């Protein structure tokens, strides 16, 4: 067994970094347990597709993009957005 000496300050910084990492991993696990990583909101989709909010509304109204409404908030399944992108690429002959 090898013994390694570490300064108290260095040990504290390493411990804080480790605790931060554990917190992030636990948060990710909770999101996965509840299926939250599968859903995107309007802002996420606009950024992903590089479109304006009004263009997203047009896509929604035309039925091109599936969505769910919870109270006044609209969500999109990540898989549905992926399928939309694939359809658009096929239309353009890029897939």
Protein backbone atom coordinates (compact mmCIF):
# COMPACT_ATOMS: atom_id res chain seq x y z
CA UNK A 1 0.00 0.00 0.00
CA UNK A 2 1.33 3.43 -0.96
CA UNK A 3 0.80 6.44 1.29
CA UNK A 4 0.38 9.84 -0.38
CA UNK A 5 0.53 13.11 1.55
CA UNK A 6 -1.68 15.95 0.34
CA UNK A 7 -1.86 19.52 1.56
CA UNK A 8 -5.10 20.43 3.31
CA UNK A 9 -5.98 23.09 0.71
CA UNK A 10 -5.42 20.71 -2.19
CA UNK A 11 -7.42 18.00 -0.46
CA UNK A 12 -10.28 20.45 0.15
CA UNK A 13 -10.37 21.51 -3.51
CA UNK A 14 -10.29 17.89 -4.67
CA UNK A 15 -13.07 16.99 -2.26
CA UNK A 16 -15.22 19.96 -3.39
CA UNK A 17 -14.73 19.00 -7.05
CA UNK A 18 -15.69 15.41 -6.28
CA UNK A 19 -18.82 16.50 -4.40
CA UNK A 20 -19.81 18.75 -7.33
CA UNK A 21 -19.39 15.84 -9.74
CA UNK A 22 -21.48 13.55 -7.54
CA UNK A 23 -24.22 16.20 -7.40
CA UNK A 24 -24.29 16.52 -11.19
CA UNK A 25 -24.45 12.75 -11.64
CA UNK A 26 -27.30 12.45 -9.15
CA UNK A 27 -29.19 15.23 -10.93
CA UNK A 28 -28.72 13.49 -14.30
CA UNK A 29 -29.92 10.21 -12.80
CA UNK A 30 -33.08 11.85 -11.48
CA UNK A 31 -33.80 13.42 -14.88
CA UNK A 32 -33.37 10.03 -16.52
CA UNK A 33 -35.61 8.31 -13.96
CA UNK A 34 -38.45 10.71 -14.70
CA UNK A 35 -37.86 10.76 -18.46
CA UNK A 36 -37.19 14.50 -18.44
CA UNK A 37 -34.24 14.29 -20.82
CA UNK A 38 -36.62 13.15 -23.57
CA UNK A 39 -38.56 16.44 -23.63
CA UNK A 40 -37.63 19.79 -25.16
CA UNK A 41 -39.36 23.15 -24.78
CA UNK A 42 -39.90 25.84 -27.45
CA UNK A 43 -36.55 27.49 -26.80
CA UNK A 44 -34.66 24.19 -27.05
CA UNK A 45 -36.32 23.31 -30.37
CA UNK A 46 -35.79 26.77 -31.87
CA UNK A 47 -32.12 26.63 -30.95
CA UNK A 48 -31.75 23.05 -32.21
CA UNK A 49 -33.43 23.75 -35.56
CA UNK A 50 -32.07 27.30 -35.84
CA UNK A 51 -35.56 28.72 -36.44
CA UNK A 52 -37.62 31.55 -34.98
CA UNK A 53 -40.48 30.98 -32.51
CA UNK A 54 -42.99 32.03 -35.20
CA UNK A 55 -41.60 29.41 -37.60
CA UNK A 56 -41.97 26.79 -34.86
CA UNK A 57 -45.61 27.83 -34.39
CA UNK A 58 -46.14 27.40 -38.15
CA UNK A 59 -44.59 23.92 -38.04
CA UNK A 60 -46.80 23.00 -35.08
CA UNK A 61 -50.00 24.27 -36.74
CA UNK A 62 -49.24 22.45 -39.99
CA UNK A 63 -48.72 19.19 -38.08
CA UNK A 64 -45.10 18.88 -39.18
CA UNK A 65 -43.93 18.70 -35.57
CA UNK A 66 -45.71 16.71 -32.87
CA UNK A 67 -46.06 18.35 -29.46
CA UNK A 68 -47.73 18.05 -26.08
CA UNK A 69 -49.23 20.86 -24.04
CA UNK A 70 -49.13 20.85 -20.26
CA UNK A 71 -51.10 23.77 -18.90
CA UNK A 72 -49.75 26.64 -21.03
CA UNK A 73 -46.34 25.14 -21.73
CA UNK A 74 -45.55 23.22 -24.91
CA UNK A 75 -43.11 20.32 -25.00
CA UNK A 76 -41.66 18.24 -27.82
CA UNK A 77 -40.25 14.74 -27.62
CA UNK A 78 -36.61 14.66 -28.62
CA UNK A 79 -37.34 11.64 -30.82
CA UNK A 80 -40.10 13.52 -32.70
CA UNK A 81 -37.72 16.39 -33.44
CA UNK A 82 -35.09 13.91 -34.64
CA UNK A 83 -37.66 12.33 -37.00
CA UNK A 84 -38.66 15.78 -38.28
CA UNK A 85 -35.02 16.58 -39.07
CA UNK A 86 -34.62 13.25 -40.89
CA UNK A 87 -37.77 13.90 -42.98
CA UNK A 88 -36.54 17.36 -43.92
CA UNK A 89 -33.13 16.04 -44.91
CA UNK A 90 -34.74 13.34 -47.06
CA UNK A 91 -36.87 15.98 -48.80
CA UNK A 92 -33.70 17.91 -49.59
CA UNK A 93 -31.94 14.74 -50.74
CA UNK A 94 -29.24 14.97 -48.08
CA UNK A 95 -29.95 11.75 -46.22
